[in-house]
């Protein structure tokens, strides 16, 4: 699938900046909308103010965590089709299993190296 609009939901400003830089190295044909608040992102999606073809979602956030976001978005008939990739520092098997049960399409542990993130994004985004 070709993605044109990606949403990143992550409360860590450095991680958002790194993701944006890595995406810029991979392609300039995808627009990125970033949120640090999952509830706000969900509200924007629900109201159709923002559209996304793919969501990268962190798990550990205040207000609404990634697991809560997954539960809520999968309840919405108009939004449940959007693929969601968990992008988290966690790598526990139980966390990965739970997020898949909640509807995540994939789980990626945040890499330590910038080039590794670029390679991950290439694999996910390029047809």
Protein backbone atom coordinates (compact mmCIF):
# COMPACT_ATOMS: atom_id res chain seq x y z
CA UNK A 1 0.00 0.00 0.00
CA UNK A 2 1.12 3.52 -0.70
CA UNK A 3 0.91 5.85 2.26
CA UNK A 4 0.49 9.58 1.73
CA UNK A 5 -0.48 10.73 5.22
CA UNK A 6 1.21 9.41 8.34
CA UNK A 7 0.39 10.25 11.92
CA UNK A 8 2.93 9.93 14.70
CA UNK A 9 1.66 9.93 18.28
CA UNK A 10 4.52 10.24 20.76
CA UNK A 11 4.96 12.55 23.75
CA UNK A 12 8.76 12.62 23.48
CA UNK A 13 9.82 15.69 21.47
CA UNK A 14 13.26 14.24 20.67
CA UNK A 15 11.73 11.03 19.35
CA UNK A 16 9.31 13.02 17.18
CA UNK A 17 12.17 15.11 15.77
CA UNK A 18 14.24 12.01 15.04
CA UNK A 19 11.27 10.29 13.37
CA UNK A 20 10.61 13.36 11.22
CA UNK A 21 14.27 13.56 10.17
CA UNK A 22 14.38 9.85 9.34
CA UNK A 23 11.17 10.10 7.32
CA UNK A 24 12.70 13.00 5.38
CA UNK A 25 15.65 10.75 4.47
CA UNK A 26 13.27 8.07 3.19
CA UNK A 27 10.77 10.13 1.20
CA UNK A 28 9.42 13.60 0.62
CA UNK A 29 6.11 12.31 -0.73
CA UNK A 30 4.50 11.59 2.64
CA UNK A 31 3.03 14.22 4.92
CA UNK A 32 3.53 13.73 8.64
CA UNK A 33 1.24 14.98 11.38
CA UNK A 34 2.62 14.53 14.88
CA UNK A 35 0.79 14.63 18.19
CA UNK A 36 2.06 14.36 21.74
CA UNK A 37 -1.41 13.62 23.08
CA UNK A 38 -3.25 10.49 21.94
CA UNK A 39 -6.66 11.78 23.00
CA UNK A 40 -6.21 14.92 20.91
CA UNK A 41 -5.10 12.80 17.93
CA UNK A 42 -8.15 10.57 18.30
CA UNK A 43 -10.46 13.59 18.49
CA UNK A 44 -8.93 15.08 15.32
CA UNK A 45 -9.33 11.77 13.50
CA UNK A 46 -12.90 11.27 14.72
CA UNK A 47 -13.93 14.75 13.63
CA UNK A 48 -12.25 14.18 10.25
CA UNK A 49 -10.15 17.29 10.82
CA UNK A 50 -7.09 15.11 10.19
CA UNK A 51 -6.77 12.04 8.00
CA UNK A 52 -4.16 9.30 8.26
CA UNK A 53 -3.28 6.31 6.10
CA UNK A 54 -0.96 4.91 8.79
CA UNK A 55 -0.37 5.63 12.47
CA UNK A 56 2.86 5.15 14.41
CA UNK A 57 1.94 4.99 18.09
CA UNK A 58 4.00 5.17 21.25
CA UNK A 59 2.67 3.31 24.28
CA UNK A 60 3.82 5.23 27.34
CA UNK A 61 2.13 8.62 27.31
CA UNK A 62 0.15 10.70 29.78
CA UNK A 63 -3.55 11.55 29.30
CA UNK A 64 -4.23 8.52 27.07
CA UNK A 65 -1.65 5.79 26.61
CA UNK A 66 -1.16 3.80 23.43
CA UNK A 67 -3.17 0.80 24.59
CA UNK A 68 -6.14 3.01 25.47
CA UNK A 69 -5.85 4.68 22.06
CA UNK A 70 -5.93 1.28 20.35
CA UNK A 71 -9.07 0.27 22.23
CA UNK A 72 -10.84 3.52 21.36
CA UNK A 73 -9.88 3.72 17.69
CA UNK A 74 -10.92 0.13 17.07
CA UNK A 75 -14.39 0.96 18.42
CA UNK A 76 -14.85 3.58 15.69
CA UNK A 77 -16.21 2.02 12.49
CA UNK A 78 -14.76 4.84 10.37
CA UNK A 79 -11.27 4.65 11.86
CA UNK A 80 -10.66 1.00 12.74
CA UNK A 81 -9.25 0.26 9.26
CA UNK A 82 -6.23 2.56 9.72
CA UNK A 83 -3.10 0.44 10.19
CA UNK A 84 -1.33 1.11 13.47
CA UNK A 85 2.31 0.34 14.15
CA UNK A 86 3.46 0.50 17.73
CA UNK A 87 6.79 2.30 18.03
CA UNK A 88 7.93 1.89 21.63
CA UNK A 89 10.99 1.47 23.80
CA UNK A 90 9.32 -1.62 25.23
CA UNK A 91 10.17 -5.03 23.87
CA UNK A 92 8.39 -7.28 26.34
CA UNK A 93 6.65 -10.23 24.71
CA UNK A 94 3.53 -9.67 26.82
CA UNK A 95 3.30 -6.03 25.68
CA UNK A 96 3.73 -7.02 22.05
CA UNK A 97 1.10 -9.73 22.40
CA UNK A 98 -1.38 -7.41 24.11
CA UNK A 99 -1.06 -4.66 21.51
CA UNK A 100 -1.62 -7.16 18.72
CA UNK A 101 -4.72 -8.44 20.52
CA UNK A 102 -5.94 -4.84 20.74
CA UNK A 103 -5.55 -4.43 16.99
CA UNK A 104 -2.03 -3.17 16.31
CA UNK A 105 -0.74 -4.27 12.91
CA UNK A 106 2.90 -4.37 13.91
CA UNK A 107 5.24 -3.65 16.82
CA UNK A 108 8.63 -2.00 16.41
CA UNK A 109 11.01 -1.40 19.28
CA UNK A 110 12.52 2.06 18.89
CA UNK A 111 16.02 1.57 17.52
CA UNK A 112 19.08 3.14 19.14
CA UNK A 113 20.61 4.20 15.82
CA UNK A 114 19.23 6.76 13.39
CA UNK A 115 20.20 4.63 10.37
CA UNK A 116 18.24 1.70 11.81
CA UNK A 117 15.13 3.88 11.99
CA UNK A 118 15.65 4.93 8.37
CA UNK A 119 15.88 1.27 7.34
CA UNK A 120 12.74 0.41 9.30
CA UNK A 121 10.82 3.24 7.66
CA UNK A 122 12.05 2.16 4.22
CA UNK A 123 10.71 -1.35 4.81
CA UNK A 124 7.36 -0.12 6.10
CA UNK A 125 6.76 2.71 3.64
CA UNK A 126 8.21 1.70 0.33
CA UNK A 127 6.07 -0.64 -1.78
